[in-house]
Amino acid sequence: MTTIAHRLTSSPSGSAVAAGGGWRTPVVIIGFGCLISLLSFGPRSSLGFFLAAPRGDGSRGKEAAPQSLRQALYEAFAQRSYVMLVLGFFTCGFQLAFITVHLPAYLVDRGLSATVGGWTLATIGLCNIIGSLTYGWLCDYVPKRYLLSFNYLVRALAILAFISFPVTPFSCITFGVVMGLVWLSVVPPTNGIIAVMFRTKWLATLAGFAFLSHQVGGFLGAWLGGILFDRFGSYDPVWRLSIALGVASALINLPIIEKPISRPATA
């Protein structure tokens, strides 16, 4: 929720400040905001105290044998479904980072102001609340792999439509609405599949490795956006790559098997 609020407020305000005084001032302001969040939600802070979870092994049932971290990682990466889940999450990071970093510049190149980019990102943050909550609810009724596949396909189609038609403030906000609904809504089904397959003892760790793939994709999305723009003078190659990755992730997530991994019982 903090990330969503950050996007809602910092995107339009940051664009406005940057337009008046350069990029350094909003970066410093965001840095102070992150510092305040760290102090407020740190492990020893008053707010962080209420986020503490009770100790426990997180296992479902008493029949599963104790499992070390090494055993959990070996078990997870030996499962094709988990590997496909991790690979699919790469696309999420690539698309999100590229759009967040380069969308305002792309709109400026198309004749709009950077402020429109800021409001588009704010729209994404607002609709992200609706999308994430809706996907979390749907996880109880729809196979999670179908939700993931649908999500990545919608992203690919939204990007294709966005770059295929004239770019206007209305099309930007519309794009922000659609992308916001599928922005971080991949997180509930992703974590849900991990919990179903491996139970919850190492859920944070296994979800963390999936998120590492997300962050690698995010790095490449932000970095390649600048590299390819300098080389070709256009963001079109990265947009097309985002579409291709979206279609690939939609296909990758379809064969995932959502069922618990069988383990030997404790003697």
Protein backbone atom coordinates (compact mmCIF):
# COMPACT_ATOMS: atom_id res chain seq x y z
CA MET A 1 0.00 0.00 0.00
CA THR A 2 2.91 2.34 0.68
CA THR A 3 4.21 1.76 -2.85
CA ILE A 4 0.81 2.53 -4.33
CA ALA A 5 0.45 5.73 -2.30
CA HIS A 6 3.96 6.70 -3.34
CA ARG A 7 3.04 6.33 -7.01
CA LEU A 8 -0.21 8.21 -6.59
CA THR A 9 1.46 11.25 -5.04
CA SER A 10 5.04 11.32 -6.28
CA SER A 11 4.42 10.79 -10.00
CA PRO A 12 2.42 13.96 -10.76
CA SER A 13 4.11 16.08 -8.10
CA GLY A 14 7.57 14.86 -9.11
CA SER A 15 6.89 15.67 -12.75
CA ALA A 16 5.75 19.16 -11.81
CA VAL A 17 8.81 19.82 -9.64
CA ALA A 18 11.16 18.42 -12.29
CA ALA A 19 9.61 20.64 -14.93
CA GLY A 20 10.35 23.68 -12.82
CA GLY A 21 13.73 22.91 -11.30
CA GLY A 22 15.27 19.81 -12.85
CA TRP A 23 15.40 16.19 -11.78
CA ARG A 24 17.63 16.52 -8.70
CA THR A 25 15.03 18.13 -6.42
CA PRO A 26 12.35 15.42 -6.79
CA VAL A 27 14.98 12.70 -6.36
CA VAL A 28 16.09 14.26 -3.06
CA ILE A 29 12.46 14.58 -1.91
CA ILE A 30 11.76 10.93 -2.74
CA GLY A 31 14.93 9.92 -0.89
CA PHE A 32 13.75 11.68 2.26
CA GLY A 33 10.37 10.00 1.87
CA CYS A 34 12.04 6.59 1.72
CA LEU A 35 14.06 7.45 4.83
CA ILE A 36 10.91 8.40 6.73
CA SER A 37 9.28 5.12 5.65
CA LEU A 38 12.32 3.19 6.84
CA LEU A 39 12.24 4.85 10.25
CA SER A 40 8.48 4.41 10.55
CA PHE A 41 8.29 0.75 9.55
CA GLY A 42 11.64 -0.54 10.76
CA PRO A 43 11.76 -3.71 12.88
CA ARG A 44 12.16 -1.77 16.12
CA SER A 45 9.74 1.06 15.34
CA SER A 46 6.28 1.46 16.82
CA LEU A 47 4.61 0.76 13.48
CA GLY A 48 6.89 -2.14 12.63
CA PHE A 49 5.95 -3.84 15.88
CA PHE A 50 2.41 -4.42 14.62
CA LEU A 51 3.75 -6.03 11.43
CA ALA A 52 5.64 -8.74 13.31
CA ALA A 53 4.42 -12.27 12.65
CA PRO A 54 4.28 -15.03 15.28
CA ARG A 55 7.06 -17.55 15.19
CA GLY A 56 6.39 -20.93 13.66
CA ASP A 57 7.49 -23.25 10.90
CA GLY A 58 4.56 -22.29 8.67
CA SER A 59 3.93 -25.87 7.60
CA ARG A 60 0.44 -27.06 6.81
CA GLY A 61 -0.33 -30.21 8.74
CA LYS A 62 1.99 -32.31 10.89
CA GLU A 63 2.84 -35.02 8.41
CA ALA A 64 5.51 -33.11 6.46
CA ALA A 65 9.14 -33.73 7.33
CA PRO A 66 11.24 -30.75 8.55
CA GLN A 67 12.91 -28.99 5.66
CA SER A 68 16.06 -26.87 5.53
CA LEU A 69 16.56 -23.85 3.30
CA ARG A 70 18.85 -25.81 1.00
CA GLN A 71 16.31 -28.60 0.68
CA ALA A 72 13.53 -26.11 -0.01
CA LEU A 73 15.48 -24.43 -2.81
CA TYR A 74 16.50 -27.76 -4.33
CA GLU A 75 12.90 -28.95 -4.23
CA ALA A 76 11.57 -25.73 -5.75
CA PHE A 77 14.00 -25.43 -8.64
CA ALA A 78 13.53 -29.10 -9.45
CA GLN A 79 9.89 -28.33 -10.25
CA ARG A 80 9.27 -27.13 -13.79
CA SER A 81 6.17 -25.24 -12.68
CA TYR A 82 8.17 -23.12 -10.23
CA VAL A 83 10.84 -22.38 -12.82
CA MET A 84 8.19 -21.27 -15.33
CA LEU A 85 6.61 -19.09 -12.65
CA VAL A 86 9.96 -17.43 -11.97
CA LEU A 87 10.64 -16.90 -15.68
CA GLY A 88 7.22 -15.38 -16.21
CA PHE A 89 7.78 -12.92 -13.37
CA PHE A 90 10.80 -11.58 -15.27
CA THR A 91 8.43 -10.02 -17.81
CA CYS A 92 6.53 -8.22 -15.06
CA GLY A 93 9.67 -6.45 -13.88
CA PHE A 94 10.80 -5.61 -17.41
CA GLN A 95 7.50 -3.98 -18.37
CA LEU A 96 6.96 -2.16 -15.09
CA ALA A 97 10.42 -0.64 -14.89
CA PHE A 98 10.49 0.38 -18.54
CA ILE A 99 7.11 2.10 -18.34
CA THR A 100 7.85 3.77 -14.99
CA VAL A 101 11.24 5.13 -16.08
CA HIS A 102 10.72 5.92 -19.75
CA LEU A 103 7.03 6.66 -20.28
CA PRO A 104 7.31 10.42 -19.51
CA ALA A 105 10.22 10.76 -21.95
CA TYR A 106 8.33 8.75 -24.57
CA LEU A 107 5.35 11.08 -24.27
CA VAL A 108 7.59 14.14 -24.59
CA ASP A 109 9.01 12.67 -27.81
CA ARG A 110 5.44 12.27 -29.05
CA GLY A 111 4.67 15.93 -28.40
CA LEU A 112 3.06 15.75 -24.95
CA SER A 113 4.31 17.14 -21.66
CA ALA A 114 6.06 15.16 -18.97
CA THR A 115 3.17 16.09 -16.68
CA VAL A 116 0.88 13.84 -18.71
CA GLY A 117 3.34 11.02 -18.04
CA GLY A 118 3.22 11.77 -14.32
CA TRP A 119 -0.58 11.66 -14.23
CA THR A 120 -0.55 8.47 -16.29
CA LEU A 121 1.71 6.81 -13.71
CA ALA A 122 -0.54 8.12 -10.95
CA THR A 123 -3.53 6.56 -12.73
CA ILE A 124 -1.65 3.28 -12.84
CA GLY A 125 -1.09 3.49 -9.09
CA LEU A 126 -4.77 4.19 -8.41
CA CYS A 127 -6.08 1.37 -10.61
CA ASN A 128 -3.41 -0.92 -9.19
CA ILE A 129 -5.37 -0.99 -5.92
CA ILE A 130 -8.48 -2.24 -7.70
CA GLY A 131 -6.59 -4.77 -9.80
CA SER A 132 -4.59 -6.26 -6.93
CA LEU A 133 -7.61 -6.65 -4.66
CA THR A 134 -9.70 -8.12 -7.47
CA TYR A 135 -7.05 -10.65 -8.41
CA GLY A 136 -6.63 -11.62 -4.77
CA TRP A 137 -10.37 -12.32 -4.60
CA LEU A 138 -10.40 -14.20 -7.92
CA CYS A 139 -7.64 -16.52 -6.71
CA ASP A 140 -10.28 -18.36 -4.66
CA TYR A 141 -12.43 -19.06 -7.73
CA VAL A 142 -10.20 -19.17 -10.83
CA PRO A 143 -7.03 -21.24 -11.41
CA LYS A 144 -4.15 -18.94 -10.63
CA ARG A 145 -2.18 -19.89 -13.74
CA TYR A 146 -5.08 -18.67 -15.89
CA LEU A 147 -5.09 -15.35 -14.05
CA LEU A 148 -1.36 -14.94 -14.69
CA SER A 149 -1.66 -15.87 -18.35
CA PHE A 150 -4.59 -13.49 -18.82
CA ASN A 151 -2.67 -10.72 -17.07
CA TYR A 152 0.37 -10.91 -19.31
CA LEU A 153 -1.77 -11.18 -22.44
CA VAL A 154 -3.75 -8.06 -21.48
CA ARG A 155 -0.50 -6.18 -20.93
CA ALA A 156 0.78 -7.15 -24.37
CA LEU A 157 -2.49 -6.10 -26.04
CA ALA A 158 -2.63 -2.83 -24.09
CA ILE A 159 0.91 -1.90 -25.12
CA LEU A 160 0.20 -2.85 -28.74
CA ALA A 161 -2.90 -0.64 -28.81
CA PHE A 162 -1.09 2.22 -27.05
CA ILE A 163 1.73 2.43 -29.61
CA SER A 164 -0.52 1.72 -32.60
CA PHE A 165 -2.85 4.71 -32.22
CA PRO A 166 -2.14 8.46 -31.91
CA VAL A 167 -0.91 9.36 -28.46
CA THR A 168 -3.19 11.85 -26.70
CA PRO A 169 -3.79 12.68 -23.04
CA PHE A 170 -6.99 10.60 -23.21
CA SER A 171 -5.20 7.56 -24.66
CA CYS A 172 -2.48 7.91 -22.01
CA ILE A 173 -4.97 7.90 -19.13
CA THR A 174 -6.83 4.99 -20.73
CA PHE A 175 -3.55 3.12 -21.02
CA GLY A 176 -2.87 3.93 -17.37
CA VAL A 177 -6.24 2.49 -16.31
CA VAL A 178 -5.74 -0.78 -18.19
CA MET A 179 -2.12 -1.22 -17.13
CA GLY A 180 -2.96 -0.32 -13.54
CA LEU A 181 -5.53 -3.09 -13.35
CA VAL A 182 -2.88 -5.64 -14.35
CA TRP A 183 0.14 -3.89 -12.81
CA LEU A 184 0.88 -5.73 -9.55
CA SER A 185 -2.11 -8.04 -9.73
CA VAL A 186 0.32 -10.83 -10.69
CA VAL A 187 1.56 -10.93 -7.08
CA PRO A 188 -1.47 -12.65 -5.44
CA PRO A 189 -1.62 -15.57 -7.91
CA THR A 190 2.18 -15.90 -7.97
CA ASN A 191 2.46 -16.15 -4.20
CA GLY A 192 -0.67 -18.29 -4.11
CA ILE A 193 0.81 -20.87 -6.48
CA ILE A 194 4.01 -21.00 -4.42
CA ALA A 195 2.01 -21.51 -1.22
CA VAL A 196 -0.06 -24.28 -2.80
CA MET A 197 2.98 -26.09 -4.18
CA PHE A 198 5.41 -25.78 -1.28
CA ARG A 199 3.28 -24.73 1.71
CA THR A 200 4.17 -21.60 3.63
CA LYS A 201 7.31 -22.29 5.68
CA TRP A 202 9.64 -21.04 2.94
CA LEU A 203 7.04 -18.94 1.13
CA ALA A 204 8.87 -15.66 1.68
CA THR A 205 12.16 -17.14 0.44
CA LEU A 206 10.71 -18.80 -2.65
CA ALA A 207 8.66 -15.73 -3.47
CA GLY A 208 11.85 -13.73 -2.99
CA PHE A 209 13.65 -15.74 -5.66
CA ALA A 210 10.73 -15.11 -8.00
CA PHE A 211 10.99 -11.43 -7.16
CA LEU A 212 14.71 -11.54 -7.89
CA SER A 213 13.78 -12.54 -11.43
CA HIS A 214 11.35 -9.61 -11.42
CA GLN A 215 14.13 -7.23 -10.37
CA VAL A 216 16.52 -8.53 -13.04
CA GLY A 217 13.80 -7.88 -15.58
CA GLY A 218 13.29 -4.43 -14.07
CA PHE A 219 16.97 -3.60 -14.43
CA LEU A 220 16.99 -4.70 -18.06
CA GLY A 221 13.77 -2.82 -18.82
CA ALA A 222 15.13 0.46 -17.47
CA TRP A 223 18.63 -0.04 -18.89
CA LEU A 224 17.68 -1.31 -22.34
CA GLY A 225 15.13 1.46 -22.64
CA GLY A 226 17.95 4.01 -22.56
CA ILE A 227 20.47 1.96 -24.53
CA LEU A 228 18.13 1.17 -27.42
CA PHE A 229 16.78 4.71 -27.51
CA ASP A 230 20.32 6.06 -27.89
CA ARG A 231 21.01 3.53 -30.63
CA PHE A 232 17.79 3.80 -32.66
CA GLY A 233 16.46 7.19 -31.60
CA SER A 234 13.13 5.60 -30.67
CA TYR A 235 11.49 3.56 -27.93
CA ASP A 236 9.67 1.38 -30.46
CA PRO A 237 12.14 -1.57 -30.20
CA VAL A 238 11.60 -1.78 -26.43
CA TRP A 239 7.83 -1.51 -26.77
CA ARG A 240 7.88 -4.39 -29.24
CA LEU A 241 10.13 -6.40 -26.93
CA SER A 242 7.68 -5.79 -24.08
CA ILE A 243 4.85 -7.12 -26.24
CA ALA A 244 6.84 -10.23 -27.16
CA LEU A 245 7.73 -10.90 -23.53
CA GLY A 246 4.10 -10.48 -22.51
CA VAL A 247 2.93 -13.06 -25.03
CA ALA A 248 5.75 -15.42 -24.02
CA SER A 249 4.86 -15.16 -20.32
CA ALA A 250 1.18 -15.73 -21.11
CA LEU A 251 2.16 -19.02 -22.75
CA ILE A 252 4.74 -19.97 -20.10
CA ASN A 253 2.26 -19.76 -17.23
CA LEU A 254 -0.43 -21.93 -18.83
CA PRO A 255 1.25 -25.34 -18.20
CA ILE A 256 1.92 -24.62 -14.50
CA ILE A 257 0.58 -27.39 -12.26
CA GLU A 258 -1.15 -26.06 -9.15
CA LYS A 259 -0.96 -28.87 -6.63
CA PRO A 260 1.04 -29.58 -3.46
CA ILE A 261 4.43 -31.27 -3.79
CA SER A 262 4.41 -34.70 -2.17
CA ARG A 263 6.91 -35.12 0.65
CA PRO A 264 7.91 -38.08 2.82
CA ALA A 265 6.19 -38.16 6.18
CA THR A 266 8.11 -37.66 9.40
CA ALA A 267 9.21 -41.00 10.94
